[in-house]
Amino acid sequence: MLILRLVLILAAISIVLSGGLFILTRNRRYLSLAWQIVRLLIFLLLIFGLLFLLERYALVAWRILV
């Protein structure tokens, strides 16, 4: 959980900084970087959610069967 929180904090800081740099410079590269960070964050959260569900249901069910 600590690693997930650290990733979320770093992603939020990166998105805010990229948005601020886009507003200051009007360079679309920073907006593209923010969008890439958002997509990566969504992907990582989906992977984490699937692992959480796997642990919660599949492994508990396996212990009951064995």
PDB file of N, CA and C in Angstrom:
ATOM      1  N   MET A   1       0.814  -1.194   0.000  1.00  0.00           N
ATOM      2  CA  MET A   1       0.000   0.000   0.000  1.00  0.00           C
ATOM      3  C   MET A   1       0.858   1.258   0.000  1.00  0.00           C
ATOM      4  N   LEU A   2       1.993   1.178   0.660  1.00  0.00           N
ATOM      5  CA  LEU A   2       2.876   2.335   0.706  1.00  0.00           C
ATOM      6  C   LEU A   2       3.395   2.679  -0.688  1.00  0.00           C
ATOM      7  N   ILE A   3       3.718   1.657  -1.456  1.00  0.00           N
ATOM      8  CA  ILE A   3       4.213   1.890  -2.811  1.00  0.00           C
ATOM      9  C   ILE A   3       3.109   2.493  -3.681  1.00  0.00           C
ATOM     10  N   LEU A   4       1.873   2.011  -3.516  1.00  0.00           N
ATOM     11  CA  LEU A   4       0.760   2.551  -4.281  1.00  0.00           C
ATOM     12  C   LEU A   4       0.535   4.024  -3.945  1.00  0.00           C
ATOM     13  N   ARG A   5       0.598   4.373  -2.689  1.00  0.00           N
ATOM     14  CA  ARG A   5       0.446   5.771  -2.287  1.00  0.00           C
ATOM     15  C   ARG A   5       1.556   6.635  -2.866  1.00  0.00           C
ATOM     16  N   LEU A   6       2.781   6.132  -2.836  1.00  0.00           N
ATOM     17  CA  LEU A   6       3.902   6.877  -3.389  1.00  0.00           C
ATOM     18  C   LEU A   6       3.727   7.105  -4.891  1.00  0.00           C
ATOM     19  N   VAL A   7       3.284   6.087  -5.594  1.00  0.00           N
ATOM     20  CA  VAL A   7       3.048   6.215  -7.036  1.00  0.00           C
ATOM     21  C   VAL A   7       1.948   7.232  -7.311  1.00  0.00           C
ATOM     22  N   LEU A   8       0.868   7.190  -6.526  1.00  0.00           N
ATOM     23  CA  LEU A   8      -0.224   8.146  -6.716  1.00  0.00           C
ATOM     24  C   LEU A   8       0.223   9.579  -6.452  1.00  0.00           C
ATOM     25  N   ILE A   9       1.010   9.780  -5.408  1.00  0.00           N
ATOM     26  CA  ILE A   9       1.496  11.125  -5.086  1.00  0.00           C
ATOM     27  C   ILE A   9       2.429  11.640  -6.182  1.00  0.00           C
ATOM     28  N   LEU A  10       3.348  10.792  -6.616  1.00  0.00           N
ATOM     29  CA  LEU A  10       4.277  11.208  -7.681  1.00  0.00           C
ATOM     30  C   LEU A  10       3.546  11.474  -8.993  1.00  0.00           C
ATOM     31  N   ALA A  11       2.542  10.660  -9.298  1.00  0.00           N
ATOM     32  CA  ALA A  11       1.770  10.885 -10.521  1.00  0.00           C
ATOM     33  C   ALA A  11       0.989  12.194 -10.437  1.00  0.00           C
ATOM     34  N   ALA A  12       0.397  12.470  -9.290  1.00  0.00           N
ATOM     35  CA  ALA A  12      -0.363  13.712  -9.134  1.00  0.00           C
ATOM     36  C   ALA A  12       0.550  14.927  -9.270  1.00  0.00           C
ATOM     37  N   ILE A  13       1.726  14.861  -8.659  1.00  0.00           N
ATOM     38  CA  ILE A  13       2.678  15.971  -8.772  1.00  0.00           C
ATOM     39  C   ILE A  13       3.118  16.145 -10.226  1.00  0.00           C
ATOM     40  N   SER A  14       3.381  15.043 -10.909  1.00  0.00           N
ATOM     41  CA  SER A  14       3.819  15.111 -12.303  1.00  0.00           C
ATOM     42  C   SER A  14       2.737  15.688 -13.205  1.00  0.00           C
ATOM     43  N   ILE A  15       1.490  15.293 -12.972  1.00  0.00           N
ATOM     44  CA  ILE A  15       0.394  15.804 -13.790  1.00  0.00           C
ATOM     45  C   ILE A  15       0.200  17.300 -13.562  1.00  0.00           C
ATOM     46  N   VAL A  16       0.263  17.719 -12.303  1.00  0.00           N
ATOM     47  CA  VAL A  16       0.104  19.146 -11.996  1.00  0.00           C
ATOM     48  C   VAL A  16       1.242  19.962 -12.606  1.00  0.00           C
ATOM     49  N   LEU A  17       2.468  19.468 -12.484  1.00  0.00           N
ATOM     50  CA  LEU A  17       3.600  20.182 -13.067  1.00  0.00           C
ATOM     51  C   LEU A  17       3.508  20.244 -14.590  1.00  0.00           C
ATOM     52  N   SER A  18       3.112  19.146 -15.213  1.00  0.00           N
ATOM     53  CA  SER A  18       2.966  19.147 -16.671  1.00  0.00           C
ATOM     54  C   SER A  18       1.870  20.110 -17.106  1.00  0.00           C
ATOM     55  N   GLY A  19       0.771  20.118 -16.372  1.00  0.00           N
ATOM     56  CA  GLY A  19      -0.302  21.061 -16.695  1.00  0.00           C
ATOM     57  C   GLY A  19       0.141  22.499 -16.514  1.00  0.00           C
ATOM     58  N   GLY A  20       0.887  22.768 -15.455  1.00  0.00           N
ATOM     59  CA  GLY A  20       1.401  24.119 -15.235  1.00  0.00           C
ATOM     60  C   GLY A  20       2.374  24.551 -16.305  1.00  0.00           C
ATOM     61  N   LEU A  21       3.258  23.647 -16.699  1.00  0.00           N
ATOM     62  CA  LEU A  21       4.198  23.974 -17.768  1.00  0.00           C
ATOM     63  C   LEU A  21       3.481  24.183 -19.097  1.00  0.00           C
ATOM     64  N   PHE A  22       2.411  23.417 -19.341  1.00  0.00           N
ATOM     65  CA  PHE A  22       1.637  23.634 -20.559  1.00  0.00           C
ATOM     66  C   PHE A  22       0.996  25.026 -20.552  1.00  0.00           C
ATOM     67  N   ILE A  23       0.459  25.419 -19.403  1.00  0.00           N
ATOM     68  CA  ILE A  23      -0.184  26.730 -19.315  1.00  0.00           C
ATOM     69  C   ILE A  23       0.845  27.846 -19.506  1.00  0.00           C
ATOM     70  N   LEU A  24       2.041  27.660 -18.945  1.00  0.00           N
ATOM     71  CA  LEU A  24       3.066  28.701 -19.059  1.00  0.00           C
ATOM     72  C   LEU A  24       3.665  28.799 -20.463  1.00  0.00           C
ATOM     73  N   THR A  25       3.939  27.654 -21.077  1.00  0.00           N
ATOM     74  CA  THR A  25       4.670  27.668 -22.341  1.00  0.00           C
ATOM     75  C   THR A  25       3.799  27.429 -23.572  1.00  0.00           C
ATOM     76  N   ARG A  26       2.592  26.904 -23.383  1.00  0.00           N
ATOM     77  CA  ARG A  26       1.701  26.524 -24.491  1.00  0.00           C
ATOM     78  C   ARG A  26       2.346  25.488 -25.411  1.00  0.00           C
ATOM     79  N   ASN A  27       3.246  24.687 -24.849  1.00  0.00           N
ATOM     80  CA  ASN A  27       3.885  23.610 -25.594  1.00  0.00           C
ATOM     81  C   ASN A  27       3.059  22.336 -25.386  1.00  0.00           C
ATOM     82  N   ARG A  28       2.550  21.757 -26.478  1.00  0.00           N
ATOM     83  CA  ARG A  28       1.662  20.591 -26.393  1.00  0.00           C
ATOM     84  C   ARG A  28       2.384  19.351 -25.870  1.00  0.00           C
ATOM     85  N   ARG A  29       3.697  19.366 -25.857  1.00  0.00           N
ATOM     86  CA  ARG A  29       4.468  18.226 -25.368  1.00  0.00           C
ATOM     87  C   ARG A  29       4.152  17.948 -23.904  1.00  0.00           C
ATOM     88  N   TYR A  30       3.957  18.995 -23.113  1.00  0.00           N
ATOM     89  CA  TYR A  30       3.659  18.816 -21.696  1.00  0.00           C
ATOM     90  C   TYR A  30       2.260  18.246 -21.480  1.00  0.00           C
ATOM     91  N   LEU A  31       1.331  18.628 -22.316  1.00  0.00           N
ATOM     92  CA  LEU A  31      -0.011  18.085 -22.240  1.00  0.00           C
ATOM     93  C   LEU A  31      -0.009  16.604 -22.630  1.00  0.00           C
ATOM     94  N   SER A  32       0.794  16.273 -23.617  1.00  0.00           N
ATOM     95  CA  SER A  32       0.938  14.880 -24.025  1.00  0.00           C
ATOM     96  C   SER A  32       1.577  14.051 -22.912  1.00  0.00           C
ATOM     97  N   LEU A  33       2.552  14.607 -22.235  1.00  0.00           N
ATOM     98  CA  LEU A  33       3.194  13.913 -21.123  1.00  0.00           C
ATOM     99  C   LEU A  33       2.198  13.665 -19.997  1.00  0.00           C
ATOM    100  N   ALA A  34       1.366  14.636 -19.687  1.00  0.00           N
ATOM    101  CA  ALA A  34       0.352  14.468 -18.645  1.00  0.00           C
ATOM    102  C   ALA A  34      -0.622  13.360 -19.027  1.00  0.00           C
ATOM    103  N   TRP A  35      -1.020  13.306 -20.286  1.00  0.00           N
ATOM    104  CA  TRP A  35      -1.939  12.270 -20.736  1.00  0.00           C
ATOM    105  C   TRP A  35      -1.291  10.887 -20.655  1.00  0.00           C
ATOM    106  N   GLN A  36      -0.016  10.785 -20.986  1.00  0.00           N
ATOM    107  CA  GLN A  36       0.690   9.504 -20.869  1.00  0.00           C
ATOM    108  C   GLN A  36       0.769   9.055 -19.417  1.00  0.00           C
ATOM    109  N   ILE A  37       0.986   9.983 -18.509  1.00  0.00           N
ATOM    110  CA  ILE A  37       1.039   9.650 -17.087  1.00  0.00           C
ATOM    111  C   ILE A  37      -0.320   9.152 -16.610  1.00  0.00           C
ATOM    112  N   VAL A  38      -1.388   9.802 -17.060  1.00  0.00           N
ATOM    113  CA  VAL A  38      -2.736   9.378 -16.678  1.00  0.00           C
ATOM    114  C   VAL A  38      -3.024   7.971 -17.196  1.00  0.00           C
ATOM    115  N   ARG A  39      -2.661   7.703 -18.443  1.00  0.00           N
ATOM    116  CA  ARG A  39      -2.891   6.360 -18.999  1.00  0.00           C
ATOM    117  C   ARG A  39      -2.092   5.299 -18.252  1.00  0.00           C
ATOM    118  N   LEU A  40      -0.841   5.587 -17.932  1.00  0.00           N
ATOM    119  CA  LEU A  40      -0.023   4.644 -17.183  1.00  0.00           C
ATOM    120  C   LEU A  40      -0.596   4.417 -15.787  1.00  0.00           C
ATOM    121  N   LEU A  41      -1.066   5.471 -15.154  1.00  0.00           N
ATOM    122  CA  LEU A  41      -1.648   5.361 -13.821  1.00  0.00           C
ATOM    123  C   LEU A  41      -2.918   4.506 -13.844  1.00  0.00           C
ATOM    124  N   ILE A  42      -3.753   4.698 -14.857  1.00  0.00           N
ATOM    125  CA  ILE A  42      -4.960   3.880 -14.975  1.00  0.00           C
ATOM    126  C   ILE A  42      -4.589   2.417 -15.178  1.00  0.00           C
ATOM    127  N   PHE A  43      -3.604   2.155 -16.007  1.00  0.00           N
ATOM    128  CA  PHE A  43      -3.140   0.783 -16.235  1.00  0.00           C
ATOM    129  C   PHE A  43      -2.624   0.152 -14.941  1.00  0.00           C
ATOM    130  N   LEU A  44      -1.810   0.887 -14.189  1.00  0.00           N
ATOM    131  CA  LEU A  44      -1.280   0.352 -12.938  1.00  0.00           C
ATOM    132  C   LEU A  44      -2.381   0.115 -11.909  1.00  0.00           C
ATOM    133  N   LEU A  45      -3.366   0.998 -11.858  1.00  0.00           N
ATOM    134  CA  LEU A  45      -4.474   0.804 -10.927  1.00  0.00           C
ATOM    135  C   LEU A  45      -5.333  -0.402 -11.303  1.00  0.00           C
ATOM    136  N   LEU A  46      -5.507  -0.642 -12.597  1.00  0.00           N
ATOM    137  CA  LEU A  46      -6.233  -1.838 -13.027  1.00  0.00           C
ATOM    138  C   LEU A  46      -5.482  -3.111 -12.654  1.00  0.00           C
ATOM    139  N   ILE A  47      -4.179  -3.117 -12.853  1.00  0.00           N
ATOM    140  CA  ILE A  47      -3.367  -4.274 -12.471  1.00  0.00           C
ATOM    141  C   ILE A  47      -3.439  -4.493 -10.968  1.00  0.00           C
ATOM    142  N   PHE A  48      -3.318  -3.435 -10.182  1.00  0.00           N
ATOM    143  CA  PHE A  48      -3.405  -3.549  -8.737  1.00  0.00           C
ATOM    144  C   PHE A  48      -4.775  -4.058  -8.316  1.00  0.00           C
ATOM    145  N   GLY A  49      -5.833  -3.554  -8.943  1.00  0.00           N
ATOM    146  CA  GLY A  49      -7.178  -4.010  -8.608  1.00  0.00           C
ATOM    147  C   GLY A  49      -7.378  -5.483  -8.922  1.00  0.00           C
ATOM    148  N   LEU A  50      -6.859  -5.932 -10.059  1.00  0.00           N
ATOM    149  CA  LEU A  50      -6.967  -7.351 -10.401  1.00  0.00           C
ATOM    150  C   LEU A  50      -6.197  -8.225  -9.419  1.00  0.00           C
ATOM    151  N   LEU A  51      -5.022  -7.785  -9.030  1.00  0.00           N
ATOM    152  CA  LEU A  51      -4.262  -8.551  -8.039  1.00  0.00           C
ATOM    153  C   LEU A  51      -4.972  -8.583  -6.692  1.00  0.00           C
ATOM    154  N   PHE A  52      -5.596  -7.478  -6.319  1.00  0.00           N
ATOM    155  CA  PHE A  52      -6.346  -7.426  -5.069  1.00  0.00           C
ATOM    156  C   PHE A  52      -7.524  -8.395  -5.120  1.00  0.00           C
ATOM    157  N   LEU A  53      -8.264  -8.399  -6.240  1.00  0.00           N
ATOM    158  CA  LEU A  53      -9.382  -9.326  -6.380  1.00  0.00           C
ATOM    159  C   LEU A  53      -8.911 -10.774  -6.383  1.00  0.00           C
ATOM    160  N   LEU A  54      -7.788 -11.034  -7.036  1.00  0.00           N
ATOM    161  CA  LEU A  54      -7.234 -12.378  -7.047  1.00  0.00           C
ATOM    162  C   LEU A  54      -6.907 -12.833  -5.638  1.00  0.00           C
ATOM    163  N   GLU A  55      -6.271 -11.969  -4.879  1.00  0.00           N
ATOM    164  CA  GLU A  55      -5.930 -12.324  -3.505  1.00  0.00           C
ATOM    165  C   GLU A  55      -7.191 -12.500  -2.667  1.00  0.00           C
ATOM    166  N   ARG A  56      -8.134 -11.629  -2.849  1.00  0.00           N
ATOM    167  CA  ARG A  56      -9.328 -11.608  -2.014  1.00  0.00           C
ATOM    168  C   ARG A  56     -10.215 -12.826  -2.239  1.00  0.00           C
ATOM    169  N   TYR A  57     -10.427 -13.189  -3.492  1.00  0.00           N
ATOM    170  CA  TYR A  57     -11.396 -14.240  -3.792  1.00  0.00           C
ATOM    171  C   TYR A  57     -10.766 -15.561  -4.201  1.00  0.00           C
ATOM    172  N   ALA A  58      -9.835 -15.532  -5.106  1.00  0.00           N
ATOM    173  CA  ALA A  58      -9.287 -16.788  -5.627  1.00  0.00           C
ATOM    174  C   ALA A  58      -8.439 -17.502  -4.579  1.00  0.00           C
ATOM    175  N   LEU A  59      -7.587 -16.792  -3.900  1.00  0.00           N
ATOM    176  CA  LEU A  59      -6.724 -17.457  -2.932  1.00  0.00           C
ATOM    177  C   LEU A  59      -7.478 -17.885  -1.690  1.00  0.00           C
ATOM    178  N   VAL A  60      -8.477 -17.130  -1.280  1.00  0.00           N
ATOM    179  CA  VAL A  60      -9.300 -17.522  -0.147  1.00  0.00           C
ATOM    180  C   VAL A  60     -10.112 -18.763  -0.503  1.00  0.00           C
ATOM    181  N   ALA A  61     -10.648 -18.812  -1.715  1.00  0.00           N
ATOM    182  CA  ALA A  61     -11.401 -19.973  -2.163  1.00  0.00           C
ATOM    183  C   ALA A  61     -10.477 -21.198  -2.251  1.00  0.00           C
ATOM    184  N   TRP A  62      -9.249 -20.984  -2.666  1.00  0.00           N
ATOM    185  CA  TRP A  62      -8.296 -22.090  -2.761  1.00  0.00           C
ATOM    186  C   TRP A  62      -8.011 -22.671  -1.384  1.00  0.00           C
ATOM    187  N   ARG A  63      -7.898 -21.817  -0.364  1.00  0.00           N
ATOM    188  CA  ARG A  63      -7.650 -22.303   0.999  1.00  0.00           C
ATOM    189  C   ARG A  63      -8.833 -23.097   1.526  1.00  0.00           C
ATOM    190  N   ILE A  64     -10.037 -22.723   1.137  1.00  0.00           N
ATOM    191  CA  ILE A  64     -11.231 -23.455   1.600  1.00  0.00           C
ATOM    192  C   ILE A  64     -11.268 -24.830   0.948  1.00  0.00           C
ATOM    193  N   LEU A  65     -10.898 -24.922  -0.326  1.00  0.00           N
ATOM    194  CA  LEU A  65     -10.931 -26.186  -1.040  1.00  0.00           C
ATOM    195  C   LEU A  65      -9.852 -27.149  -0.546  1.00  0.00           C
ATOM    196  N   VAL A  66      -8.747 -26.628  -0.108  1.00  0.00           N
ATOM    197  CA  VAL A  66      -7.627 -27.500   0.288  1.00  0.00           C
ATOM    198  C   VAL A  66      -7.727 -27.888   1.713  1.00  0.00           C
TER     199      VAL A  66
END
